[in-house]
Amino acid sequence: MAEALATTIIAAPVEQVWKVLRDFNAMPVWNPAVTDSKIEDGRDADSVGCIRAFHLADGTFVRERLLELDDSRYVLRYNFETPAFPVRNYLATLELIPVTNGNTTFVRWHARFDEEPQDAGKYAALISTGVFANGLRALADYVVTQPAPSVADARWQGLRPAKVFTSSVIRAPLAEVWAKMRDFAGMMHWHADIPSMEMIGGVRSDKVSGVRDFIFGEGQLHEQLTWLSDQDHAFRYRILKSPMPWLNYHAGARLYPLTDRYQTFAVWTADWTAAPEDDLDLIPNVHENVFQKAFDTLDAQLRR
């Protein structure tokens, strides 16, 4: 199976980007590669299952079916009904994630499909650059000219729920950031408030179920690695011992490549149970003094 991918950061809040992107019939407005578009059978453009029929600038006729539309998590997924390219089993996803460190938006455009043996790699490269990367540049140019919609309620940050959602750009390639973050005993090297950290029993730091013992400020914590993925560049963990007034603390981080600038978009979330009055201090403290401080340190160490 082949894959195509392009990602970027758009200098606008997620609500502003999503207002444009969620309209399944709006590509001619923001994408110069598409000359016209019509939703078949008179259906609404946000009706899941609807088909958009459109022409590319070179005259190619394409039909795509909307398979998923998620207003709470900013995800749009579709397939080919009449393909633009000679590929099979095409499934594409557009996903937005808000950047909390500066009110901007991470955009990921990804597709999986099957190529013919003689075309191996051809359409993966073509779609990644000629379709997705060019499309995201056009989307970014258009979105910033549009007014931001009013937001009546607190933002739902997608991929959650979680009490803490922190996201930031680290100005270094994903491989370099992941090499630092995947070492479950290595956070002492990229967080100034951790003077020491070691794996209990001397186990490897990539051992899922391994526990790290460390000092944070004046308190001692034990955290257990519950998931580690080199494919997704992600990990999760839970707290077994802490001086803080919370229960059932689970957290995790994931990295995404920024394909247009050889940098990394990083997301870190955490959830737990605590008294509401304790959360007034716990939530901003974890966001600012743990997650964002760690991202800032990594950025300062690795940025180019």
Protein backbone atom coordinates (compact mmCIF):
# COMPACT_ATOMS: atom_id res chain seq x y z
CA MET A 1 0.00 0.00 0.00
CA ALA A 2 1.28 3.47 -0.91
CA GLU A 3 0.92 6.62 1.19
CA ALA A 4 0.91 10.32 0.41
CA LEU A 5 1.40 13.02 3.05
CA ALA A 6 1.71 16.77 3.39
CA THR A 7 1.53 18.87 6.55
CA THR A 8 1.84 22.53 7.41
CA ILE A 9 1.05 25.23 9.96
CA ILE A 10 -1.54 27.82 8.91
CA ALA A 11 -1.37 31.21 10.64
CA ALA A 12 -5.04 31.27 11.64
CA PRO A 13 -7.12 29.72 14.46
CA VAL A 14 -8.56 26.28 13.88
CA GLU A 15 -12.14 27.55 13.66
CA GLN A 16 -11.18 29.84 10.77
CA VAL A 17 -9.43 27.04 8.86
CA TRP A 18 -12.19 24.51 9.52
CA LYS A 19 -14.91 26.87 8.31
CA VAL A 20 -13.29 26.81 4.87
CA LEU A 21 -12.20 23.20 4.80
CA ARG A 22 -15.40 21.53 6.03
CA ASP A 23 -17.31 22.72 2.94
CA PHE A 24 -16.90 19.65 0.72
CA ASN A 25 -17.97 21.68 -2.32
CA ALA A 26 -15.65 24.68 -1.83
CA MET A 27 -12.39 23.56 -3.43
CA PRO A 28 -12.72 25.91 -6.44
CA VAL A 29 -12.80 28.81 -3.97
CA TRP A 30 -9.42 28.10 -2.39
CA ASN A 31 -7.66 25.57 -4.64
CA PRO A 32 -6.64 26.85 -8.12
CA ALA A 33 -6.13 23.24 -9.26
CA VAL A 34 -9.93 22.77 -9.21
CA THR A 35 -12.03 24.72 -11.71
CA ASP A 36 -15.57 23.74 -10.69
CA SER A 37 -17.42 21.51 -8.24
CA LYS A 38 -20.98 20.28 -7.76
CA ILE A 39 -22.59 18.08 -5.13
CA GLU A 40 -24.59 15.39 -6.89
CA ASP A 41 -28.31 14.80 -6.33
CA GLY A 42 -28.81 18.22 -4.72
CA ARG A 43 -27.47 17.08 -1.36
CA ASP A 44 -25.85 19.38 1.19
CA ALA A 45 -22.05 19.57 1.22
CA ASP A 46 -21.93 18.43 4.86
CA SER A 47 -24.14 15.39 4.23
CA VAL A 48 -21.98 12.33 4.82
CA GLY A 49 -22.17 10.07 1.79
CA CYS A 50 -22.57 12.91 -0.69
CA ILE A 51 -20.45 12.95 -3.84
CA ARG A 52 -18.65 15.99 -5.23
CA ALA A 53 -18.01 16.01 -8.97
CA PHE A 54 -15.35 18.42 -10.21
CA HIS A 55 -12.81 19.14 -12.91
CA LEU A 56 -9.12 19.72 -12.46
CA ALA A 57 -7.38 22.52 -14.34
CA ASP A 58 -6.13 20.03 -16.93
CA GLY A 59 -9.72 18.90 -17.63
CA THR A 60 -9.62 15.65 -15.62
CA PHE A 61 -13.06 14.73 -14.23
CA VAL A 62 -13.08 13.43 -10.65
CA ARG A 63 -15.76 12.25 -8.24
CA GLU A 64 -15.14 11.89 -4.49
CA ARG A 65 -17.44 10.63 -1.73
CA LEU A 66 -17.53 12.19 1.74
CA LEU A 67 -17.06 9.35 4.22
CA GLU A 68 -16.59 11.23 7.49
CA LEU A 69 -17.05 14.79 8.75
CA ASP A 70 -16.25 15.60 12.37
CA ASP A 71 -16.95 19.14 13.60
CA SER A 72 -15.67 18.39 17.09
CA ARG A 73 -12.31 16.96 16.03
CA TYR A 74 -11.85 18.76 12.72
CA VAL A 75 -11.54 15.70 10.48
CA LEU A 76 -12.74 15.17 6.91
CA ARG A 77 -12.34 11.82 5.12
CA TYR A 78 -13.20 10.87 1.53
CA ASN A 79 -12.49 8.35 -1.23
CA PHE A 80 -12.40 8.23 -5.02
CA GLU A 81 -15.55 7.27 -6.87
CA THR A 82 -14.07 8.37 -10.21
CA PRO A 83 -10.30 8.48 -9.62
CA ALA A 84 -8.03 11.33 -10.59
CA PHE A 85 -5.19 8.82 -10.94
CA PRO A 86 -4.94 5.09 -11.80
CA VAL A 87 -4.90 3.94 -8.18
CA ARG A 88 -7.18 1.65 -6.16
CA ASN A 89 -8.65 1.72 -2.64
CA TYR A 90 -7.93 5.42 -2.23
CA LEU A 91 -8.76 6.84 1.21
CA ALA A 92 -7.79 10.40 2.10
CA THR A 93 -8.03 12.33 5.36
CA LEU A 94 -7.73 16.02 6.19
CA GLU A 95 -7.16 16.69 9.89
CA LEU A 96 -6.74 19.93 11.82
CA ILE A 97 -5.18 20.25 15.27
CA PRO A 98 -5.04 23.60 17.10
CA VAL A 99 -1.60 24.89 18.08
CA THR A 100 -1.89 26.18 21.64
CA ASN A 101 1.51 27.90 21.58
CA GLY A 102 0.34 30.73 19.32
CA ASN A 103 -3.24 30.48 18.07
CA THR A 104 -2.47 28.75 14.76
CA THR A 105 -3.46 25.43 13.12
CA PHE A 106 -1.63 22.24 12.18
CA VAL A 107 -3.03 20.68 9.00
CA ARG A 108 -2.36 17.10 7.91
CA TRP A 109 -3.44 15.76 4.51
CA HIS A 110 -2.86 12.04 4.16
CA ALA A 111 -3.95 9.26 1.83
CA ARG A 112 -3.47 5.50 1.50
CA PHE A 113 -4.00 3.66 -1.77
CA ASP A 114 -2.76 0.83 -3.97
CA GLU A 115 -0.58 1.49 -7.01
CA GLU A 116 0.05 -0.86 -9.91
CA PRO A 117 3.44 -2.62 -9.63
CA GLN A 118 4.84 -0.68 -12.58
CA ASP A 119 3.82 2.59 -10.88
CA ALA A 120 5.41 1.90 -7.50
CA GLY A 121 6.13 5.23 -5.81
CA LYS A 122 4.95 7.34 -8.75
CA TYR A 123 1.60 8.47 -7.45
CA ALA A 124 2.67 8.62 -3.82
CA ALA A 125 5.18 11.31 -4.77
CA LEU A 126 2.84 13.06 -7.20
CA ILE A 127 -0.06 13.27 -4.75
CA SER A 128 2.16 14.30 -1.83
CA THR A 129 3.69 17.25 -3.66
CA GLY A 130 1.52 18.11 -6.66
CA VAL A 131 -1.84 17.69 -4.91
CA PHE A 132 -1.50 17.87 -1.14
CA ALA A 133 1.46 20.23 -0.61
CA ASN A 134 0.32 22.62 -3.34
CA GLY A 135 -3.23 22.44 -2.03
CA LEU A 136 -2.18 23.29 1.51
CA ARG A 137 -0.19 26.29 0.31
CA ALA A 138 -3.26 27.54 -1.53
CA LEU A 139 -5.47 26.86 1.50
CA ALA A 140 -3.12 28.82 3.76
CA ASP A 141 -3.05 31.79 1.37
CA TYR A 142 -6.84 31.85 1.17
CA VAL A 143 -7.70 31.25 4.83
CA VAL A 144 -5.70 34.18 6.16
CA THR A 145 -7.80 36.54 3.99
CA GLN A 146 -11.03 35.35 5.61
CA PRO A 147 -12.59 36.65 8.86
CA ALA A 148 -12.40 34.37 11.84
CA PRO A 149 -15.81 33.01 12.88
CA SER A 150 -17.12 33.73 16.35
CA VAL A 151 -16.67 30.90 18.84
CA ALA A 152 -19.66 30.59 21.14
CA ASP A 153 -18.29 27.84 23.35
CA ALA A 154 -14.91 26.76 24.68
CA ARG A 155 -12.87 25.14 21.94
CA TRP A 156 -13.13 21.37 21.64
CA GLN A 157 -9.55 20.44 20.93
CA GLY A 158 -9.99 17.18 19.06
CA LEU A 159 -8.30 13.84 19.80
CA ARG A 160 -9.26 14.43 23.39
CA PRO A 161 -11.05 14.88 25.83
CA ALA A 162 -8.24 15.73 28.20
CA LYS A 163 -7.81 18.25 30.97
CA VAL A 164 -4.54 19.43 29.47
CA PHE A 165 -3.88 19.78 25.75
CA THR A 166 -0.57 21.38 24.78
CA SER A 167 0.74 21.66 21.23
CA SER A 168 3.76 23.42 19.84
CA VAL A 169 6.16 23.57 16.90
CA ILE A 170 9.69 22.35 17.57
CA ARG A 171 12.12 23.72 15.01
CA ALA A 172 13.99 20.51 14.29
CA PRO A 173 13.35 17.39 12.16
CA LEU A 174 11.04 14.77 13.62
CA ALA A 175 13.78 12.11 13.85
CA GLU A 176 15.89 14.34 16.10
CA VAL A 177 12.98 15.27 18.37
CA TRP A 178 11.79 11.67 18.61
CA ALA A 179 15.30 10.44 19.49
CA LYS A 180 15.11 12.66 22.57
CA MET A 181 11.48 12.08 23.57
CA ARG A 182 11.30 8.29 23.11
CA ASP A 183 13.94 7.81 25.85
CA PHE A 184 11.56 7.40 28.78
CA ALA A 185 14.40 8.01 31.23
CA GLY A 186 15.81 10.98 29.36
CA MET A 187 13.47 13.82 30.29
CA MET A 188 15.98 15.09 32.85
CA HIS A 189 18.02 16.30 29.87
CA TRP A 190 15.23 18.49 28.50
CA HIS A 191 13.36 19.74 31.56
CA ALA A 192 15.17 21.98 34.05
CA ASP A 193 12.96 20.96 36.99
CA ILE A 194 14.02 17.30 36.83
CA PRO A 195 17.48 16.93 38.45
CA SER A 196 17.57 13.13 38.24
CA MET A 197 15.68 10.29 36.56
CA GLU A 198 16.26 6.54 36.23
CA MET A 199 14.40 3.39 35.28
CA ILE A 200 13.54 1.25 38.32
CA GLY A 201 15.40 -2.03 38.27
CA GLY A 202 17.72 -0.81 35.55
CA VAL A 203 15.33 -1.89 32.77
CA ARG A 204 15.60 -0.37 29.31
CA SER A 205 13.79 2.91 28.80
CA ASP A 206 11.88 1.44 25.84
CA LYS A 207 10.41 -1.39 27.93
CA VAL A 208 6.64 -0.99 27.97
CA SER A 209 5.60 -1.53 31.64
CA GLY A 210 8.92 -0.05 32.79
CA VAL A 211 8.73 2.60 35.54
CA ARG A 212 10.81 5.75 35.77
CA ASP A 213 11.69 7.18 39.19
CA PHE A 214 12.47 10.89 39.33
CA ILE A 215 12.37 14.09 41.29
CA PHE A 216 10.28 16.97 40.01
CA GLY A 217 10.76 20.10 42.06
CA GLU A 218 10.53 18.81 45.62
CA GLY A 219 8.40 15.73 44.92
CA GLN A 220 9.20 12.15 43.90
CA LEU A 221 7.21 10.51 41.11
CA HIS A 222 6.92 7.05 39.58
CA GLU A 223 5.56 6.91 36.01
CA GLN A 224 4.93 3.73 34.03
CA LEU A 225 5.30 3.50 30.26
CA THR A 226 2.07 2.02 28.85
CA TRP A 227 2.55 2.49 25.08
CA LEU A 228 5.47 3.31 22.79
CA SER A 229 5.23 3.50 19.00
CA ASP A 230 8.12 4.22 16.66
CA GLN A 231 5.63 4.16 13.78
CA ASP A 232 3.37 6.85 15.21
CA HIS A 233 6.19 8.62 17.09
CA ALA A 234 4.09 8.52 20.22
CA PHE A 235 4.02 7.26 23.80
CA ARG A 236 1.67 7.11 26.77
CA TYR A 237 2.27 6.65 30.47
CA ARG A 238 0.50 6.68 33.83
CA ILE A 239 1.49 7.93 37.28
CA LEU A 240 1.89 5.33 40.00
CA LYS A 241 3.27 7.62 42.70
CA SER A 242 3.00 11.40 43.07
CA PRO A 243 2.67 14.05 45.78
CA MET A 244 -0.01 15.83 43.74
CA PRO A 245 -3.73 15.54 44.67
CA TRP A 246 -4.87 13.55 41.62
CA LEU A 247 -5.91 10.01 40.79
CA ASN A 248 -5.79 7.95 37.61
CA TYR A 249 -3.35 10.26 35.83
CA HIS A 250 -2.73 9.22 32.21
CA ALA A 251 -0.76 11.25 29.69
CA GLY A 252 0.85 10.90 26.31
CA ALA A 253 2.65 12.71 23.51
CA ARG A 254 2.73 12.39 19.73
CA LEU A 255 4.95 13.97 17.09
CA TYR A 256 4.03 14.82 13.49
CA PRO A 257 6.43 15.83 10.71
CA LEU A 258 5.99 19.26 9.15
CA THR A 259 6.72 18.30 5.57
CA ASP A 260 7.09 21.86 4.28
CA ARG A 261 9.85 22.92 6.66
CA TYR A 262 11.62 19.87 8.18
CA GLN A 263 10.28 20.73 11.61
CA THR A 264 8.04 18.91 14.08
CA PHE A 265 4.56 19.49 15.46
CA ALA A 266 4.23 18.07 18.97
CA VAL A 267 1.10 17.34 21.01
CA TRP A 268 1.03 16.38 24.70
CA THR A 269 -2.18 15.62 26.59
CA ALA A 270 -3.04 14.52 30.11
CA ASP A 271 -6.15 13.56 32.04
CA TRP A 272 -6.82 12.67 35.67
CA THR A 273 -9.40 12.84 38.46
CA ALA A 274 -9.11 15.59 41.08
CA ALA A 275 -11.21 17.99 43.11
CA PRO A 276 -12.35 21.02 41.07
CA GLU A 277 -10.56 23.42 43.40
CA ASP A 278 -7.30 21.48 42.93
CA ASP A 279 -7.68 21.53 39.15
CA LEU A 280 -7.60 25.32 39.21
CA ASP A 281 -3.88 25.02 39.95
CA LEU A 282 -3.10 21.59 38.47
CA ILE A 283 -4.32 22.24 34.91
CA PRO A 284 -2.36 25.45 34.16
CA ASN A 285 0.68 24.11 36.02
CA VAL A 286 0.89 20.95 33.91
CA HIS A 287 0.22 22.90 30.71
CA GLU A 288 2.77 25.65 31.26
CA ASN A 289 5.38 24.28 33.66
CA VAL A 290 5.55 20.67 32.47
CA PHE A 291 4.48 20.22 28.84
CA GLN A 292 5.11 23.65 27.31
CA LYS A 293 8.34 24.10 29.25
CA ALA A 294 9.56 20.74 27.94
CA PHE A 295 8.67 21.69 24.35
CA ASP A 296 10.40 25.05 24.73
CA THR A 297 13.56 23.37 26.04
CA LEU A 298 13.61 20.87 23.19
CA ASP A 299 13.13 23.69 20.71
CA ALA A 300 16.01 25.64 22.21
CA GLN A 301 18.29 22.58 22.20
CA LEU A 302 17.49 21.33 18.70
CA ARG A 303 16.32 24.25 16.57
CA ARG A 304 18.22 25.11 13.39
